[in-house]
Amino acid sequence: MGKSAAFAVGADALRESQGEIFMELPMSFNEEQLWNRTLMLYDAALREINTKLEILNSEFKQAHQYNPIEHITSRLKSPQSIAKKMRHHQRELTIENVVKYINDIAGIRIICSFTSDIYRIAELIAKQSDITVLKVKDYIVNPKPNGYTSYHMVVSVPIFLSEEVIDTKVEIQIRTIAMDFWASLEHKIYYKFEGNAPDHITRELKECADLVSFLDRKMLAINEEVQSFREPEESYSKYIANLLRDRMKEAYGTVLEEDGVIDSVATVPETPDSGEPMPAADSASDALLLTGDGRKEFPSVSSGTQMQGLIQLTDEEVPGEMLREIAKQILRENDKVPFDENGMKYAF
């Protein structure tokens, strides 16, 4: 079924449920068009949040060699579920009321490895400048009576349309793998018995929830112990990499004056001797200077706060190792500010 057909079905489902008419809008009002627009906004909000999470996911994989996000799922609440929820809360079923009173029409679920990851991801989401946190329910600190644990956030994200900007709500649920396993089983049992499961099954589910909570705490403790055995060399390399990333941060979003720009369309400069083209610096991680005649060079260090002169790399250059040696010298001479404002320059 295509999106337009699904929207039409959704509008029909909202208008009618079990033969009763819930919508009482003027005949001249195109309620289907309004419902389609509503679904379009929630769908756009889902895509906005999903994109943000995918970017965080990629960054963790690339930069941290550890990914707290196991997987992400998203969905728009079905019209039948919307109608059922509105009836449960004894609200008149109108499109306006649906938008006003239901916060989880657009929903995203993030599955993590450890409980510490949950709070880390929640913090990263809340720190984004265009996201507003509207509501938080921490069912990890305060589990539901049936044993349910999860971290819920309702956030809004701006949707930029052709003529206006509309802040649109999305509910985000963040759980561990163990929490999600328990919640999925409990959800199936709940609907199997229509919310009236036998007492002994309810008790056993609560016992399982307690075991899940114990398992999460145990696995977190083991992971923290493993992380404490990190090699000193790894921490040092990460520190140097962070310094370089900080130096490069502004370059991603700025444009240099014309005389300082390397033309990406022009041919690579040739060396005076051989006439053969020299490749530009391979990547940002090389952090090399590119001289006018095409030679790759690296700044030498004369003090902890100033860098002067150039060292031409030989045919057997190893930029990573040279960077390490320069960084060591800087750190020896200046413990606090290894790279200052007048220090290393980069060109790629």
Protein backbone atom coordinates (compact mmCIF):
# COMPACT_ATOMS: atom_id res chain seq x y z
CA MET A 1 0.00 0.00 0.00
CA GLY A 2 1.42 3.42 -1.01
CA LYS A 3 1.72 6.36 1.35
CA SER A 4 -1.26 8.25 -0.12
CA ALA A 5 -3.44 5.16 0.19
CA ALA A 6 -2.25 4.61 3.76
CA PHE A 7 -3.07 8.21 4.64
CA ALA A 8 -6.57 7.82 3.21
CA VAL A 9 -7.11 4.60 5.17
CA GLY A 10 -5.85 6.38 8.28
CA ALA A 11 -8.32 9.20 7.81
CA ASP A 12 -11.16 6.70 7.34
CA ALA A 13 -10.12 4.82 10.47
CA LEU A 14 -10.14 8.02 12.47
CA ARG A 15 -13.55 9.03 11.12
CA GLU A 16 -15.16 5.71 11.90
CA SER A 17 -14.58 3.08 14.55
CA GLN A 18 -17.01 0.24 15.14
CA GLY A 19 -19.68 2.08 13.15
CA GLU A 20 -19.54 5.26 15.26
CA ILE A 21 -18.71 8.66 13.79
CA PHE A 22 -16.06 10.40 15.86
CA MET A 23 -15.21 13.33 13.58
CA GLU A 24 -17.64 16.25 13.65
CA LEU A 25 -16.03 18.77 11.36
CA PRO A 26 -17.78 21.22 8.98
CA MET A 27 -18.67 19.67 5.63
CA SER A 28 -16.65 22.32 3.82
CA PHE A 29 -13.52 21.40 5.75
CA ASN A 30 -11.15 18.97 4.07
CA GLU A 31 -10.33 16.81 7.08
CA GLU A 32 -8.52 14.21 5.00
CA GLN A 33 -6.10 16.86 3.76
CA LEU A 34 -5.53 17.99 7.35
CA TRP A 35 -4.89 14.40 8.49
CA ASN A 36 -2.48 13.81 5.63
CA ARG A 37 -0.61 16.99 6.57
CA THR A 38 -0.51 15.85 10.21
CA LEU A 39 0.98 12.48 9.25
CA MET A 40 3.46 14.22 6.95
CA LEU A 41 4.71 16.37 9.84
CA TYR A 42 5.13 13.40 12.18
CA ASP A 43 6.85 11.40 9.44
CA ALA A 44 9.23 14.34 8.83
CA ALA A 45 9.95 14.58 12.57
CA LEU A 46 10.82 10.87 12.65
CA ARG A 47 13.24 11.32 9.77
CA GLU A 48 14.86 14.34 11.45
CA ILE A 49 15.48 12.46 14.71
CA ASN A 50 16.56 9.30 12.88
CA THR A 51 19.14 11.28 10.92
CA LYS A 52 20.55 12.79 14.11
CA LEU A 53 20.81 9.34 15.70
CA GLU A 54 22.44 7.85 12.61
CA ILE A 55 25.07 10.61 12.66
CA LEU A 56 25.81 9.92 16.34
CA ASN A 57 25.92 6.22 15.56
CA SER A 58 28.46 6.76 12.74
CA GLU A 59 30.60 9.02 14.91
CA PHE A 60 30.83 6.45 17.70
CA LYS A 61 31.80 3.73 15.25
CA GLN A 62 34.47 5.85 13.58
CA ALA A 63 35.90 7.91 16.43
CA HIS A 64 35.35 5.94 19.61
CA GLN A 65 35.68 2.32 18.41
CA TYR A 66 32.64 1.66 20.57
CA ASN A 67 29.01 2.00 19.67
CA PRO A 68 26.46 2.37 22.47
CA ILE A 69 23.56 2.01 20.01
CA GLU A 70 22.74 -1.58 19.08
CA HIS A 71 19.83 -0.72 16.79
CA ILE A 72 17.09 1.83 16.18
CA THR A 73 13.45 1.33 15.18
CA SER A 74 10.78 3.92 14.43
CA ARG A 75 7.06 3.93 13.66
CA LEU A 76 3.98 6.09 13.22
CA LYS A 77 1.16 5.04 15.54
CA SER A 78 -1.64 3.26 13.66
CA PRO A 79 -5.03 5.03 13.36
CA GLN A 80 -6.67 2.15 15.22
CA SER A 81 -4.26 2.57 18.15
CA ILE A 82 -4.83 6.32 18.14
CA ALA A 83 -8.61 5.87 18.26
CA LYS A 84 -8.32 3.27 21.03
CA LYS A 85 -6.09 5.52 23.13
CA MET A 86 -8.43 8.49 22.73
CA ARG A 87 -11.43 6.39 23.81
CA HIS A 88 -9.45 5.04 26.79
CA HIS A 89 -8.80 8.59 27.98
CA GLN A 90 -12.36 9.63 27.14
CA ARG A 91 -11.36 12.34 24.69
CA GLU A 92 -13.39 13.38 21.67
CA LEU A 93 -11.74 11.92 18.59
CA THR A 94 -10.81 14.95 16.51
CA ILE A 95 -7.57 15.62 14.67
CA GLU A 96 -6.90 18.61 16.91
CA ASN A 97 -7.33 16.50 20.07
CA VAL A 98 -5.15 13.74 18.64
CA VAL A 99 -2.28 16.19 18.10
CA LYS A 100 -2.84 17.87 21.46
CA TYR A 101 -3.23 14.85 23.76
CA ILE A 102 -1.22 12.01 22.16
CA ASN A 103 2.55 12.39 22.48
CA ASP A 104 3.66 9.14 20.86
CA ILE A 105 2.15 9.36 17.36
CA ALA A 106 5.76 9.44 16.16
CA GLY A 107 7.92 7.02 18.14
CA ILE A 108 11.57 5.96 18.08
CA ARG A 109 13.10 3.14 20.10
CA ILE A 110 16.85 2.98 20.74
CA ILE A 111 18.35 -0.27 22.01
CA CYS A 112 21.66 -0.10 23.93
CA SER A 113 24.08 -2.52 25.50
CA PHE A 114 24.32 -1.01 28.99
CA THR A 115 22.25 1.22 31.25
CA SER A 116 25.05 3.82 31.26
CA ASP A 117 24.63 4.07 27.48
CA ILE A 118 20.97 5.02 27.96
CA TYR A 119 21.79 8.14 29.93
CA ARG A 120 24.68 9.00 27.65
CA ILE A 121 22.46 8.91 24.56
CA ALA A 122 19.67 10.83 26.31
CA GLU A 123 22.16 13.54 27.22
CA LEU A 124 23.51 13.74 23.65
CA ILE A 125 19.98 14.09 22.28
CA ALA A 126 19.05 16.79 24.81
CA LYS A 127 22.22 18.79 24.01
CA GLN A 128 21.32 19.26 20.34
CA SER A 129 20.49 22.92 19.80
CA ASP A 130 17.34 22.41 17.74
CA ILE A 131 15.79 19.75 20.00
CA THR A 132 13.56 20.72 22.90
CA VAL A 133 12.96 18.16 25.64
CA LEU A 134 9.28 18.42 26.62
CA LYS A 135 8.93 15.54 29.06
CA VAL A 136 11.03 12.78 30.63
CA LYS A 137 9.92 9.60 32.40
CA ASP A 138 12.72 7.52 33.92
CA TYR A 139 11.27 4.05 34.45
CA ILE A 140 14.78 2.74 35.21
CA VAL A 141 14.96 4.70 38.46
CA ASN A 142 11.21 4.28 39.04
CA PRO A 143 10.01 1.06 37.35
CA LYS A 144 6.31 0.53 36.70
CA PRO A 145 4.50 -1.80 39.16
CA ASN A 146 4.59 -4.63 36.61
CA GLY A 147 8.40 -4.37 36.38
CA TYR A 148 8.65 -2.37 33.13
CA THR A 149 11.91 -0.40 32.81
CA SER A 150 12.88 2.06 30.10
CA TYR A 151 13.82 5.71 29.63
CA HIS A 152 11.20 7.84 27.84
CA MET A 153 11.70 11.30 26.36
CA VAL A 154 9.17 13.43 24.51
CA VAL A 155 11.05 15.95 22.38
CA SER A 156 10.11 18.43 19.69
CA VAL A 157 12.08 19.14 16.54
CA PRO A 158 11.46 21.99 14.06
CA ILE A 159 10.08 20.97 10.67
CA PHE A 160 10.93 23.56 8.02
CA LEU A 161 8.14 23.85 5.47
CA SER A 162 7.98 26.19 2.48
CA GLU A 163 6.19 28.96 4.38
CA GLU A 164 6.49 28.10 8.09
CA VAL A 165 8.34 26.16 10.77
CA ILE A 166 6.37 23.74 12.95
CA ASP A 167 7.81 22.16 16.11
CA THR A 168 6.65 18.52 16.09
CA LYS A 169 6.65 15.96 18.92
CA VAL A 170 8.45 12.62 18.90
CA GLU A 171 8.58 10.09 21.74
CA ILE A 172 11.97 8.43 22.20
CA GLN A 173 12.28 5.21 24.21
CA ILE A 174 15.78 4.09 25.20
CA ARG A 175 16.33 0.57 26.58
CA THR A 176 18.97 -2.08 27.01
CA ILE A 177 18.73 -5.34 25.07
CA ALA A 178 17.51 -7.12 28.20
CA MET A 179 14.85 -4.48 28.91
CA ASP A 180 13.60 -4.70 25.33
CA PHE A 181 13.39 -8.51 25.50
CA TRP A 182 11.25 -8.32 28.64
CA ALA A 183 9.02 -5.53 27.28
CA SER A 184 8.38 -7.40 24.02
CA LEU A 185 7.29 -10.54 25.89
CA GLU A 186 5.13 -8.57 28.34
CA HIS A 187 3.46 -6.72 25.46
CA LYS A 188 2.47 -9.98 23.74
CA ILE A 189 1.07 -11.42 26.98
CA TYR A 190 -0.84 -8.20 27.71
CA TYR A 191 -2.67 -8.34 24.39
CA LYS A 192 -3.14 -12.09 24.61
CA PHE A 193 -5.16 -11.65 27.82
CA GLU A 194 -6.45 -8.16 26.90
CA GLY A 195 -4.80 -6.66 29.95
CA ASN A 196 -6.11 -9.29 32.39
CA ALA A 197 -3.33 -11.85 32.66
CA PRO A 198 -3.63 -14.49 35.45
CA ASP A 199 -2.02 -13.48 38.73
CA HIS A 200 0.67 -16.14 38.61
CA ILE A 201 1.82 -14.99 35.15
CA THR A 202 1.92 -11.38 36.37
CA ARG A 203 4.05 -12.42 39.35
CA GLU A 204 6.42 -14.42 37.17
CA LEU A 205 6.81 -11.50 34.77
CA LYS A 206 7.69 -9.27 37.71
CA GLU A 207 10.31 -11.80 38.84
CA CYS A 208 11.75 -11.83 35.32
CA ALA A 209 11.89 -8.02 35.38
CA ASP A 210 13.92 -8.20 38.61
CA LEU A 211 16.29 -10.69 36.98
CA VAL A 212 16.66 -8.41 33.94
CA SER A 213 17.55 -5.50 36.21
CA PHE A 214 20.14 -7.64 38.02
CA LEU A 215 21.59 -8.80 34.68
CA ASP A 216 21.93 -5.22 33.42
CA ARG A 217 23.73 -4.14 36.60
CA LYS A 218 26.06 -7.15 36.45
CA MET A 219 26.94 -6.64 32.78
CA LEU A 220 27.56 -2.92 33.39
CA ALA A 221 29.95 -3.72 36.27
CA ILE A 222 31.87 -6.20 34.08
CA ASN A 223 32.11 -3.67 31.23
CA GLU A 224 33.40 -0.94 33.54
CA GLU A 225 36.08 -3.30 34.86
CA VAL A 226 37.13 -4.19 31.31
CA GLN A 227 37.34 -0.48 30.38
CA SER A 228 39.60 0.18 33.38
CA PHE A 229 42.27 -2.04 31.78
CA ARG A 230 42.65 0.29 28.79
CA GLU A 231 46.25 0.62 27.61
CA PRO A 232 47.98 3.96 28.42
CA GLU A 233 49.03 4.19 24.77
CA GLU A 234 45.38 4.13 23.72
CA SER A 235 44.53 7.06 26.01
CA TYR A 236 47.52 9.02 24.70
CA SER A 237 46.57 8.46 21.06
CA LYS A 238 43.00 9.50 21.77
CA TYR A 239 44.24 12.70 23.44
CA ILE A 240 46.37 13.66 20.44
CA ALA A 241 43.53 12.86 18.04
CA ASN A 242 41.19 15.10 20.03
CA LEU A 243 43.68 17.97 19.80
CA LEU A 244 43.82 17.63 16.04
CA ARG A 245 40.03 17.44 15.71
CA ASP A 246 39.67 20.63 17.77
CA ARG A 247 42.16 22.40 15.51
CA MET A 248 40.21 21.38 12.40
CA LYS A 249 36.68 22.03 13.72
CA GLU A 250 36.18 25.48 12.25
CA ALA A 251 37.60 24.55 8.84
CA TYR A 252 34.63 22.30 8.01
CA GLY A 253 32.21 25.23 7.98
CA THR A 254 34.37 28.12 6.74
CA VAL A 255 35.63 29.28 3.34
CA LEU A 256 39.13 30.70 2.89
CA GLU A 257 40.02 33.72 0.78
CA GLU A 258 40.68 32.92 -2.85
CA ASP A 259 44.47 33.02 -2.57
CA GLY A 260 44.40 30.42 0.19
CA VAL A 261 42.12 27.91 -1.51
CA ILE A 262 43.38 24.77 -3.21
CA ASP A 263 41.31 24.40 -6.38
CA SER A 264 39.74 20.94 -6.38
CA VAL A 265 39.25 21.09 -10.18
CA ALA A 266 42.75 22.21 -11.11
CA THR A 267 45.52 19.73 -11.79
CA VAL A 268 47.84 18.68 -9.00
CA PRO A 269 51.05 20.80 -9.06
CA GLU A 270 54.16 19.29 -10.56
CA THR A 271 57.58 19.09 -8.94
CA PRO A 272 60.31 21.19 -10.64
CA ASP A 273 62.70 18.25 -11.03
CA SER A 274 60.71 15.32 -12.34
CA GLY A 275 57.65 17.04 -13.75
CA GLU A 276 55.51 14.30 -12.29
CA PRO A 277 52.39 15.25 -10.32
CA MET A 278 52.58 14.99 -6.56
CA PRO A 279 49.51 13.83 -4.65
CA ALA A 280 47.96 16.13 -2.09
CA ALA A 281 47.87 15.08 1.55
CA ASP A 282 45.93 11.87 1.79
CA SER A 283 43.59 12.76 4.62
CA ALA A 284 42.94 15.06 7.53
CA SER A 285 44.75 12.62 9.79
CA ASP A 286 48.01 13.30 7.90
CA ALA A 287 47.77 16.96 9.00
CA LEU A 288 50.46 17.96 6.51
CA LEU A 289 51.39 21.28 4.96
CA LEU A 290 51.24 21.39 1.17
CA THR A 291 53.84 23.77 -0.25
CA GLY A 292 53.53 25.71 -3.46
CA ASP A 293 55.73 23.32 -5.45
CA GLY A 294 53.79 20.24 -4.35
CA ARG A 295 56.19 18.98 -1.67
CA LYS A 296 54.56 17.65 1.50
CA GLU A 297 56.13 19.19 4.56
CA PHE A 298 55.58 19.23 8.31
CA PRO A 299 56.26 22.01 10.85
CA SER A 300 59.14 21.49 13.25
CA VAL A 301 58.94 22.51 16.88
CA SER A 302 61.25 25.03 18.51
CA SER A 303 59.22 25.67 21.69
CA GLY A 304 56.02 24.63 23.42
CA THR A 305 54.13 27.73 22.23
CA GLN A 306 55.69 28.44 18.81
CA MET A 307 56.37 26.30 15.72
CA GLN A 308 58.92 27.46 13.16
CA GLY A 309 60.53 26.06 10.05
CA LEU A 310 59.65 23.10 7.87
CA ILE A 311 60.88 19.52 7.69
CA GLN A 312 60.62 18.01 4.23
CA LEU A 313 59.46 14.41 4.39
CA THR A 314 61.56 11.80 2.63
CA ASP A 315 60.30 9.10 0.28
CA GLU A 316 59.90 6.83 3.31
CA GLU A 317 57.80 9.34 5.25
CA VAL A 318 55.48 8.04 7.94
CA PRO A 319 53.16 10.98 8.75
CA GLY A 320 51.52 9.23 11.71
CA GLU A 321 54.85 8.49 13.42
CA MET A 322 56.23 11.95 12.70
CA LEU A 323 53.06 13.46 14.16
CA ARG A 324 53.56 11.33 17.25
CA GLU A 325 57.15 12.53 17.71
CA ILE A 326 56.20 16.17 17.25
CA ALA A 327 53.31 15.76 19.68
CA LYS A 328 55.62 14.17 22.27
CA GLN A 329 58.04 17.08 21.96
CA ILE A 330 55.23 19.59 22.39
CA LEU A 331 53.87 17.78 25.41
CA ARG A 332 57.32 17.66 27.01
CA GLU A 333 57.86 21.40 26.57
CA ASN A 334 54.36 22.57 27.43
CA ASP A 335 52.21 20.37 29.62
CA LYS A 336 49.02 22.39 29.38
CA VAL A 337 48.76 23.90 25.89
CA PRO A 338 50.41 21.62 23.37
CA PHE A 339 48.90 23.49 20.39
CA ASP A 340 48.35 27.23 20.70
CA GLU A 341 46.73 29.79 18.39
CA ASN A 342 49.99 30.45 16.56
CA GLY A 343 50.89 26.80 16.18
CA MET A 344 50.29 24.14 13.59
CA LYS A 345 48.61 24.98 10.29
CA TYR A 346 46.81 22.44 8.15
CA ALA A 347 46.16 22.14 4.44
CA PHE A 348 44.87 19.04 2.70
